[in-house]
Amino acid sequence: MIHVDIKLSLLVVGLLFLGGCTSRAATKIDLCSLITKEEAAAALGGDVEVTLRPDGKVCAYDLVPAGSGKATRYGSIAVMVVTSDSVEFQKFGVSKDARTAAKPVSGVGERAVIFMSKERPDDGAKAIQALKGNVYVGIGMGTSTTPVSEDVLKTLAMKALSRLPAK
């Protein structure tokens, strides 16, 4: 089922591309305020449900399924924050998976990197890490309608960075 594949893709994005853990300082940031429900809905092309995962480390925006049977579309955006007091902070911009390409992008924060499949860069989930001071935001996105737009990821990352609390 596509819905399960999207959830699995975003889990992989979270664990492999975005670091998979946050720090104590990051838990003070309201992850679900970094991207609005409306921004996520526009990026995914439909109504979304917003959920802070039980561990408090990921805010998920899940496209509300519309349609029936094979016409149903699925999509999700996952947002997390990693601060410099986390061991994962040192791994900014580094892929933990040999099948994943990391591509630096300009114009987003102090530095930013987009992650995608090496073999099929226009298919599947993509993620971005964007650095601002001693914090980076990780945003993963997967949809049943490919490709995931790098411009959309960059825009979401810029908005999320602008909403981080002041140092």
Foldseek 3Di string as FASTA:
>chain_A
DVQVVQVVLVVCCCVFVVQVDADPVQLVDQQQVLADQVLVCVLQVAHWDWDQPPVNFKIKTWHDWDDDDPVTKIKMKIKGKHFQVDPSLVCPQPGPDPQKDWAWDPDFAPTKIKIAGPVCRWAFKIKMWHDHPGMIMIMIMGIPDTDRDPVSRRVSRNSSVVPTDDD
